[in-house]
Amino acid sequence: MEMYNPPTPGEFIKWWYLDANKISARQFAEQLDVPPPTVNRLLNGQGRITPAMAERLSRVVGRSVDSWIRLQEMQDRWQERLRSAA
């Protein structure tokens, strides 16, 4: 069952991890060992969760690599549905 207007991966990360643990985007970038602009793009919905990023997220935040990839796929399918309807 597909979700209606699912949260972007960045929205999910902000709510579930950053806000809940009072972690800044810069601190999160350090934890992931990526440049801050990479995290900012992800959090702002402009970046995607790649398999490599899913591995990093799984290590730092938790959840399985597959769950991070599925979260991105849900958002991709939703965006495609919006484009097809236009």
PDB file of N, CA and C in Angstrom:
ATOM      1  N   MET A   1       0.841  -1.184   0.000  1.00  0.00           N
ATOM      2  CA  MET A   1       0.000   0.000   0.000  1.00  0.00           C
ATOM      3  C   MET A   1       0.880   1.240   0.000  1.00  0.00           C
ATOM      4  N   GLU A   2       0.641   2.105  -0.955  1.00  0.00           N
ATOM      5  CA  GLU A   2       1.462   3.309  -1.042  1.00  0.00           C
ATOM      6  C   GLU A   2       0.865   4.431  -0.195  1.00  0.00           C
ATOM      7  N   MET A   3       1.733   5.206   0.362  1.00  0.00           N
ATOM      8  CA  MET A   3       1.338   6.317   1.190  1.00  0.00           C
ATOM      9  C   MET A   3       0.967   7.505   0.311  1.00  0.00           C
ATOM     10  N   TYR A   4      -0.020   8.250   0.722  1.00  0.00           N
ATOM     11  CA  TYR A   4      -0.382   9.483   0.054  1.00  0.00           C
ATOM     12  C   TYR A   4       0.564  10.566   0.527  1.00  0.00           C
ATOM     13  N   ASN A   5       1.203  11.237  -0.431  1.00  0.00           N
ATOM     14  CA  ASN A   5       2.133  12.320  -0.134  1.00  0.00           C
ATOM     15  C   ASN A   5       3.109  11.947   0.995  1.00  0.00           C
ATOM     16  N   PRO A   6       3.934  10.947   0.752  1.00  0.00           N
ATOM     17  CA  PRO A   6       4.869  10.521   1.805  1.00  0.00           C
ATOM     18  C   PRO A   6       5.876  11.614   2.125  1.00  0.00           C
ATOM     19  N   PRO A   7       6.412  11.600   3.339  1.00  0.00           N
ATOM     20  CA  PRO A   7       7.437  12.590   3.665  1.00  0.00           C
ATOM     21  C   PRO A   7       8.674  12.330   2.815  1.00  0.00           C
ATOM     22  N   THR A   8       9.395  13.387   2.518  1.00  0.00           N
ATOM     23  CA  THR A   8      10.677  13.193   1.843  1.00  0.00           C
ATOM     24  C   THR A   8      11.616  12.521   2.838  1.00  0.00           C
ATOM     25  N   PRO A   9      12.635  11.852   2.342  1.00  0.00           N
ATOM     26  CA  PRO A   9      13.596  11.279   3.282  1.00  0.00           C
ATOM     27  C   PRO A   9      14.175  12.333   4.230  1.00  0.00           C
ATOM     28  N   GLY A  10      14.407  13.528   3.711  1.00  0.00           N
ATOM     29  CA  GLY A  10      14.941  14.596   4.558  1.00  0.00           C
ATOM     30  C   GLY A  10      13.986  14.995   5.665  1.00  0.00           C
ATOM     31  N   GLU A  11      12.684  15.079   5.343  1.00  0.00           N
ATOM     32  CA  GLU A  11      11.696  15.400   6.376  1.00  0.00           C
ATOM     33  C   GLU A  11      11.675  14.320   7.458  1.00  0.00           C
ATOM     34  N   PHE A  12      11.741  13.081   7.007  1.00  0.00           N
ATOM     35  CA  PHE A  12      11.747  11.969   7.948  1.00  0.00           C
ATOM     36  C   PHE A  12      12.974  12.041   8.855  1.00  0.00           C
ATOM     37  N   ILE A  13      14.135  12.285   8.270  1.00  0.00           N
ATOM     38  CA  ILE A  13      15.378  12.356   9.051  1.00  0.00           C
ATOM     39  C   ILE A  13      15.314  13.515  10.043  1.00  0.00           C
ATOM     40  N   LYS A  14      14.816  14.674   9.589  1.00  0.00           N
ATOM     41  CA  LYS A  14      14.711  15.827  10.489  1.00  0.00           C
ATOM     42  C   LYS A  14      13.840  15.498  11.690  1.00  0.00           C
ATOM     43  N   TRP A  15      12.665  14.942  11.424  1.00  0.00           N
ATOM     44  CA  TRP A  15      11.720  14.668  12.501  1.00  0.00           C
ATOM     45  C   TRP A  15      12.187  13.523  13.388  1.00  0.00           C
ATOM     46  N   TRP A  16      12.572  12.407  12.773  1.00  0.00           N
ATOM     47  CA  TRP A  16      12.829  11.172  13.503  1.00  0.00           C
ATOM     48  C   TRP A  16      14.177  11.157  14.203  1.00  0.00           C
ATOM     49  N   TYR A  17      15.137  11.890  13.662  1.00  0.00           N
ATOM     50  CA  TYR A  17      16.481  11.805  14.234  1.00  0.00           C
ATOM     51  C   TYR A  17      17.010  13.154  14.713  1.00  0.00           C
ATOM     52  N   LEU A  18      17.058  14.136  13.823  1.00  0.00           N
ATOM     53  CA  LEU A  18      17.684  15.406  14.211  1.00  0.00           C
ATOM     54  C   LEU A  18      16.901  16.119  15.303  1.00  0.00           C
ATOM     55  N   ASP A  19      15.604  16.362  15.070  1.00  0.00           N
ATOM     56  CA  ASP A  19      14.803  17.076  16.063  1.00  0.00           C
ATOM     57  C   ASP A  19      14.697  16.287  17.364  1.00  0.00           C
ATOM     58  N   ALA A  20      14.467  14.992  17.236  1.00  0.00           N
ATOM     59  CA  ALA A  20      14.288  14.150  18.424  1.00  0.00           C
ATOM     60  C   ALA A  20      15.542  14.116  19.304  1.00  0.00           C
ATOM     61  N   ASN A  21      16.702  14.229  18.669  1.00  0.00           N
ATOM     62  CA  ASN A  21      17.966  14.155  19.416  1.00  0.00           C
ATOM     63  C   ASN A  21      18.684  15.490  19.532  1.00  0.00           C
ATOM     64  N   LYS A  22      18.025  16.556  19.053  1.00  0.00           N
ATOM     65  CA  LYS A  22      18.595  17.908  19.107  1.00  0.00           C
ATOM     66  C   LYS A  22      19.987  17.960  18.473  1.00  0.00           C
ATOM     67  N   ILE A  23      20.066  17.424  17.248  1.00  0.00           N
ATOM     68  CA  ILE A  23      21.315  17.381  16.487  1.00  0.00           C
ATOM     69  C   ILE A  23      21.205  18.355  15.321  1.00  0.00           C
ATOM     70  N   SER A  24      22.236  19.142  15.104  1.00  0.00           N
ATOM     71  CA  SER A  24      22.237  20.088  13.987  1.00  0.00           C
ATOM     72  C   SER A  24      22.610  19.359  12.698  1.00  0.00           C
ATOM     73  N   ALA A  25      22.310  20.005  11.589  1.00  0.00           N
ATOM     74  CA  ALA A  25      22.670  19.445  10.282  1.00  0.00           C
ATOM     75  C   ALA A  25      24.188  19.287  10.168  1.00  0.00           C
ATOM     76  N   ARG A  26      24.914  20.232  10.694  1.00  0.00           N
ATOM     77  CA  ARG A  26      26.380  20.155  10.650  1.00  0.00           C
ATOM     78  C   ARG A  26      26.895  18.967  11.472  1.00  0.00           C
ATOM     79  N   GLN A  27      26.347  18.775  12.651  1.00  0.00           N
ATOM     80  CA  GLN A  27      26.738  17.626  13.468  1.00  0.00           C
ATOM     81  C   GLN A  27      26.397  16.318  12.756  1.00  0.00           C
ATOM     82  N   PHE A  28      25.233  16.301  12.127  1.00  0.00           N
ATOM     83  CA  PHE A  28      24.804  15.112  11.398  1.00  0.00           C
ATOM     84  C   PHE A  28      25.757  14.819  10.243  1.00  0.00           C
ATOM     85  N   ALA A  29      26.173  15.852   9.533  1.00  0.00           N
ATOM     86  CA  ALA A  29      27.134  15.672   8.440  1.00  0.00           C
ATOM     87  C   ALA A  29      28.437  15.065   8.969  1.00  0.00           C
ATOM     88  N   GLU A  30      28.882  15.540  10.127  1.00  0.00           N
ATOM     89  CA  GLU A  30      30.096  14.983  10.727  1.00  0.00           C
ATOM     90  C   GLU A  30      29.905  13.510  11.085  1.00  0.00           C
ATOM     91  N   GLN A  31      28.748  13.177  11.635  1.00  0.00           N
ATOM     92  CA  GLN A  31      28.464  11.782  11.984  1.00  0.00           C
ATOM     93  C   GLN A  31      28.460  10.889  10.744  1.00  0.00           C
ATOM     94  N   LEU A  32      27.904  11.413   9.642  1.00  0.00           N
ATOM     95  CA  LEU A  32      27.841  10.641   8.398  1.00  0.00           C
ATOM     96  C   LEU A  32      29.164  10.657   7.650  1.00  0.00           C
ATOM     97  N   ASP A  33      30.055  11.562   8.027  1.00  0.00           N
ATOM     98  CA  ASP A  33      31.336  11.751   7.340  1.00  0.00           C
ATOM     99  C   ASP A  33      31.120  12.181   5.886  1.00  0.00           C
ATOM    100  N   VAL A  34      30.243  13.180   5.731  1.00  0.00           N
ATOM    101  CA  VAL A  34      29.990  13.780   4.415  1.00  0.00           C
ATOM    102  C   VAL A  34      30.032  15.297   4.577  1.00  0.00           C
ATOM    103  N   PRO A  35      30.218  16.028   3.483  1.00  0.00           N
ATOM    104  CA  PRO A  35      30.224  17.490   3.578  1.00  0.00           C
ATOM    105  C   PRO A  35      28.843  18.026   3.978  1.00  0.00           C
ATOM    106  N   PRO A  36      28.799  19.106   4.747  1.00  0.00           N
ATOM    107  CA  PRO A  36      27.512  19.682   5.142  1.00  0.00           C
ATOM    108  C   PRO A  36      26.560  19.978   3.975  1.00  0.00           C
ATOM    109  N   PRO A  37      27.044  20.458   2.814  1.00  0.00           N
ATOM    110  CA  PRO A  37      26.091  20.688   1.721  1.00  0.00           C
ATOM    111  C   PRO A  37      25.367  19.413   1.273  1.00  0.00           C
ATOM    112  N   THR A  38      26.012  18.264   1.400  1.00  0.00           N
ATOM    113  CA  THR A  38      25.360  17.002   1.043  1.00  0.00           C
ATOM    114  C   THR A  38      24.170  16.745   1.962  1.00  0.00           C
ATOM    115  N   VAL A  39      24.358  16.967   3.245  1.00  0.00           N
ATOM    116  CA  VAL A  39      23.263  16.787   4.202  1.00  0.00           C
ATOM    117  C   VAL A  39      22.185  17.837   3.970  1.00  0.00           C
ATOM    118  N   ASN A  40      22.581  19.074   3.720  1.00  0.00           N
ATOM    119  CA  ASN A  40      21.581  20.118   3.490  1.00  0.00           C
ATOM    120  C   ASN A  40      20.708  19.805   2.282  1.00  0.00           C
ATOM    121  N   ARG A  41      21.314  19.300   1.202  1.00  0.00           N
ATOM    122  CA  ARG A  41      20.510  18.920   0.029  1.00  0.00           C
ATOM    123  C   ARG A  41      19.528  17.814   0.381  1.00  0.00           C
ATOM    124  N   LEU A  42      19.976  16.848   1.124  1.00  0.00           N
ATOM    125  CA  LEU A  42      19.100  15.748   1.527  1.00  0.00           C
ATOM    126  C   LEU A  42      17.960  16.256   2.405  1.00  0.00           C
ATOM    127  N   LEU A  43      18.287  17.064   3.398  1.00  0.00           N
ATOM    128  CA  LEU A  43      17.263  17.577   4.311  1.00  0.00           C
ATOM    129  C   LEU A  43      16.267  18.498   3.624  1.00  0.00           C
ATOM    130  N   ASN A  44      16.707  19.196   2.578  1.00  0.00           N
ATOM    131  CA  ASN A  44      15.827  20.123   1.855  1.00  0.00           C
ATOM    132  C   ASN A  44      15.093  19.473   0.698  1.00  0.00           C
ATOM    133  N   GLY A  45      15.212  18.160   0.553  1.00  0.00           N
ATOM    134  CA  GLY A  45      14.493  17.460  -0.501  1.00  0.00           C
ATOM    135  C   GLY A  45      15.126  17.580  -1.866  1.00  0.00           C
ATOM    136  N   GLN A  46      16.344  18.086  -1.937  1.00  0.00           N
ATOM    137  CA  GLN A  46      17.018  18.252  -3.218  1.00  0.00           C
ATOM    138  C   GLN A  46      18.004  17.124  -3.495  1.00  0.00           C
ATOM    139  N   GLY A  47      18.316  16.344  -2.493  1.00  0.00           N
ATOM    140  CA  GLY A  47      19.230  15.222  -2.645  1.00  0.00           C
ATOM    141  C   GLY A  47      18.476  13.914  -2.492  1.00  0.00           C
ATOM    142  N   ARG A  48      19.093  12.838  -2.925  1.00  0.00           N
ATOM    143  CA  ARG A  48      18.478  11.521  -2.863  1.00  0.00           C
ATOM    144  C   ARG A  48      19.293  10.604  -1.960  1.00  0.00           C
ATOM    145  N   ILE A  49      18.632   9.590  -1.458  1.00  0.00           N
ATOM    146  CA  ILE A  49      19.332   8.568  -0.695  1.00  0.00           C
ATOM    147  C   ILE A  49      19.842   7.534  -1.688  1.00  0.00           C
ATOM    148  N   THR A  50      21.128   7.542  -1.888  1.00  0.00           N
ATOM    149  CA  THR A  50      21.787   6.565  -2.755  1.00  0.00           C
ATOM    150  C   THR A  50      22.103   5.327  -1.911  1.00  0.00           C
ATOM    151  N   PRO A  51      22.481   4.229  -2.541  1.00  0.00           N
ATOM    152  CA  PRO A  51      22.875   3.062  -1.738  1.00  0.00           C
ATOM    153  C   PRO A  51      24.005   3.383  -0.754  1.00  0.00           C
ATOM    154  N   ALA A  52      24.977   4.183  -1.187  1.00  0.00           N
ATOM    155  CA  ALA A  52      26.078   4.546  -0.282  1.00  0.00           C
ATOM    156  C   ALA A  52      25.569   5.375   0.894  1.00  0.00           C
ATOM    157  N   MET A  53      24.658   6.312   0.630  1.00  0.00           N
ATOM    158  CA  MET A  53      24.101   7.119   1.711  1.00  0.00           C
ATOM    159  C   MET A  53      23.237   6.250   2.619  1.00  0.00           C
ATOM    160  N   ALA A  54      22.523   5.301   2.055  1.00  0.00           N
ATOM    161  CA  ALA A  54      21.705   4.393   2.863  1.00  0.00           C
ATOM    162  C   ALA A  54      22.587   3.616   3.838  1.00  0.00           C
ATOM    163  N   GLU A  55      23.763   3.215   3.391  1.00  0.00           N
ATOM    164  CA  GLU A  55      24.704   2.520   4.270  1.00  0.00           C
ATOM    165  C   GLU A  55      25.119   3.427   5.428  1.00  0.00           C
ATOM    166  N   ARG A  56      25.422   4.672   5.113  1.00  0.00           N
ATOM    167  CA  ARG A  56      25.843   5.625   6.156  1.00  0.00           C
ATOM    168  C   ARG A  56      24.701   5.891   7.135  1.00  0.00           C
ATOM    169  N   LEU A  57      23.497   6.105   6.583  1.00  0.00           N
ATOM    170  CA  LEU A  57      22.340   6.364   7.440  1.00  0.00           C
ATOM    171  C   LEU A  57      22.054   5.178   8.349  1.00  0.00           C
ATOM    172  N   SER A  58      22.164   3.994   7.806  1.00  0.00           N
ATOM    173  CA  SER A  58      21.924   2.794   8.601  1.00  0.00           C
ATOM    174  C   SER A  58      22.908   2.708   9.764  1.00  0.00           C
ATOM    175  N   ARG A  59      24.154   3.026   9.493  1.00  0.00           N
ATOM    176  CA  ARG A  59      25.191   2.970  10.524  1.00  0.00           C
ATOM    177  C   ARG A  59      24.972   4.031  11.603  1.00  0.00           C
ATOM    178  N   VAL A  60      24.601   5.249  11.189  1.00  0.00           N
ATOM    179  CA  VAL A  60      24.499   6.370  12.138  1.00  0.00           C
ATOM    180  C   VAL A  60      23.128   6.450  12.803  1.00  0.00           C
ATOM    181  N   VAL A  61      22.075   6.340  12.013  1.00  0.00           N
ATOM    182  CA  VAL A  61      20.722   6.552  12.523  1.00  0.00           C
ATOM    183  C   VAL A  61      20.078   5.245  12.976  1.00  0.00           C
ATOM    184  N   GLY A  62      20.408   4.190  12.282  1.00  0.00           N
ATOM    185  CA  GLY A  62      19.741   2.922  12.532  1.00  0.00           C
ATOM    186  C   GLY A  62      18.846   2.588  11.349  1.00  0.00           C
ATOM    187  N   ARG A  63      17.988   1.604  11.506  1.00  0.00           N
ATOM    188  CA  ARG A  63      17.138   1.091  10.432  1.00  0.00           C
ATOM    189  C   ARG A  63      18.022   0.370   9.421  1.00  0.00           C
ATOM    190  N   SER A  64      17.404  -0.449   8.636  1.00  0.00           N
ATOM    191  CA  SER A  64      18.170  -1.216   7.653  1.00  0.00           C
ATOM    192  C   SER A  64      18.476  -0.377   6.419  1.00  0.00           C
ATOM    193  N   VAL A  65      19.473  -0.792   5.691  1.00  0.00           N
ATOM    194  CA  VAL A  65      19.807  -0.138   4.423  1.00  0.00           C
ATOM    195  C   VAL A  65      18.590  -0.193   3.499  1.00  0.00           C
ATOM    196  N   ASP A  66      17.941  -1.353   3.442  1.00  0.00           N
ATOM    197  CA  ASP A  66      16.765  -1.505   2.576  1.00  0.00           C
ATOM    198  C   ASP A  66      15.646  -0.545   2.952  1.00  0.00           C
ATOM    199  N   SER A  67      15.465  -0.291   4.245  1.00  0.00           N
ATOM    200  CA  SER A  67      14.388   0.627   4.645  1.00  0.00           C
ATOM    201  C   SER A  67      14.662   2.043   4.154  1.00  0.00           C
ATOM    202  N   TRP A  68      15.936   2.455   4.154  1.00  0.00           N
ATOM    203  CA  TRP A  68      16.274   3.790   3.642  1.00  0.00           C
ATOM    204  C   TRP A  68      16.050   3.860   2.134  1.00  0.00           C
ATOM    205  N   ILE A  69      16.398   2.804   1.441  1.00  0.00           N
ATOM    206  CA  ILE A  69      16.194   2.774  -0.006  1.00  0.00           C
ATOM    207  C   ILE A  69      14.703   2.769  -0.319  1.00  0.00           C
ATOM    208  N   ARG A  70      13.908   2.019   0.448  1.00  0.00           N
ATOM    209  CA  ARG A  70      12.455   2.005   0.226  1.00  0.00           C
ATOM    210  C   ARG A  70      11.851   3.382   0.488  1.00  0.00           C
ATOM    211  N   LEU A  71      12.332   4.080   1.487  1.00  0.00           N
ATOM    212  CA  LEU A  71      11.836   5.424   1.773  1.00  0.00           C
ATOM    213  C   LEU A  71      12.068   6.335   0.564  1.00  0.00           C
ATOM    214  N   GLN A  72      13.243   6.249  -0.035  1.00  0.00           N
ATOM    215  CA  GLN A  72      13.535   7.047  -1.230  1.00  0.00           C
ATOM    216  C   GLN A  72      12.648   6.612  -2.390  1.00  0.00           C
ATOM    217  N   GLU A  73      12.453   5.315  -2.549  1.00  0.00           N
ATOM    218  CA  GLU A  73      11.616   4.811  -3.641  1.00  0.00           C
ATOM    219  C   GLU A  73      10.170   5.271  -3.507  1.00  0.00           C
ATOM    220  N   MET A  74       9.645   5.317  -2.274  1.00  0.00           N
ATOM    221  CA  MET A  74       8.283   5.816  -2.064  1.00  0.00           C
ATOM    222  C   MET A  74       8.173   7.260  -2.529  1.00  0.00           C
ATOM    223  N   GLN A  75       9.163   8.064  -2.178  1.00  0.00           N
ATOM    224  CA  GLN A  75       9.147   9.463  -2.593  1.00  0.00           C
ATOM    225  C   GLN A  75       9.275   9.581  -4.109  1.00  0.00           C
ATOM    226  N   ASP A  76      10.141   8.772  -4.713  1.00  0.00           N
ATOM    227  CA  ASP A  76      10.315   8.800  -6.163  1.00  0.00           C
ATOM    228  C   ASP A  76       9.013   8.438  -6.876  1.00  0.00           C
ATOM    229  N   ARG A  77       8.329   7.399  -6.390  1.00  0.00           N
ATOM    230  CA  ARG A  77       7.058   6.997  -7.008  1.00  0.00           C
ATOM    231  C   ARG A  77       6.011   8.087  -6.858  1.00  0.00           C
ATOM    232  N   TRP A  78       5.967   8.726  -5.701  1.00  0.00           N
ATOM    233  CA  TRP A  78       5.013   9.804  -5.481  1.00  0.00           C
ATOM    234  C   TRP A  78       5.292  10.967  -6.439  1.00  0.00           C
ATOM    235  N   GLN A  79       6.556  11.346  -6.578  1.00  0.00           N
ATOM    236  CA  GLN A  79       6.905  12.437  -7.489  1.00  0.00           C
ATOM    237  C   GLN A  79       6.557  12.085  -8.928  1.00  0.00           C
ATOM    238  N   GLU A  80       6.782  10.836  -9.307  1.00  0.00           N
ATOM    239  CA  GLU A  80       6.421  10.399 -10.664  1.00  0.00           C
ATOM    240  C   GLU A  80       4.921  10.462 -10.867  1.00  0.00           C
ATOM    241  N   ARG A  81       4.165  10.060  -9.867  1.00  0.00           N
ATOM    242  CA  ARG A  81       2.706  10.152  -9.957  1.00  0.00           C
ATOM    243  C   ARG A  81       2.252  11.603 -10.148  1.00  0.00           C
ATOM    244  N   LEU A  82       2.890  12.524  -9.449  1.00  0.00           N
ATOM    245  CA  LEU A  82       2.548  13.936  -9.611  1.00  0.00           C
ATOM    246  C   LEU A  82       2.887  14.421 -11.022  1.00  0.00           C
ATOM    247  N   ARG A  83       4.057  14.026 -11.543  1.00  0.00           N
ATOM    248  CA  ARG A  83       4.440  14.437 -12.895  1.00  0.00           C
ATOM    249  C   ARG A  83       3.488  13.859 -13.942  1.00  0.00           C
ATOM    250  N   SER A  84       3.071  12.620 -13.746  1.00  0.00           N
ATOM    251  CA  SER A  84       2.177  11.969 -14.704  1.00  0.00           C
ATOM    252  C   SER A  84       0.799  12.597 -14.712  1.00  0.00           C
ATOM    253  N   ALA A  85       0.374  13.113 -13.552  1.00  0.00           N
ATOM    254  CA  ALA A  85      -0.950  13.717 -13.454  1.00  0.00           C
ATOM    255  C   ALA A  85      -1.003  15.118 -14.038  1.00  0.00           C
ATOM    256  N   ALA A  86       0.151  15.733 -14.200  1.00  0.00           N
ATOM    257  CA  ALA A  86       0.200  17.132 -14.688  1.00  0.00           C
ATOM    258  C   ALA A  86       0.018  17.221 -16.177  1.00  0.00           C
TER     259      ALA A  86
END
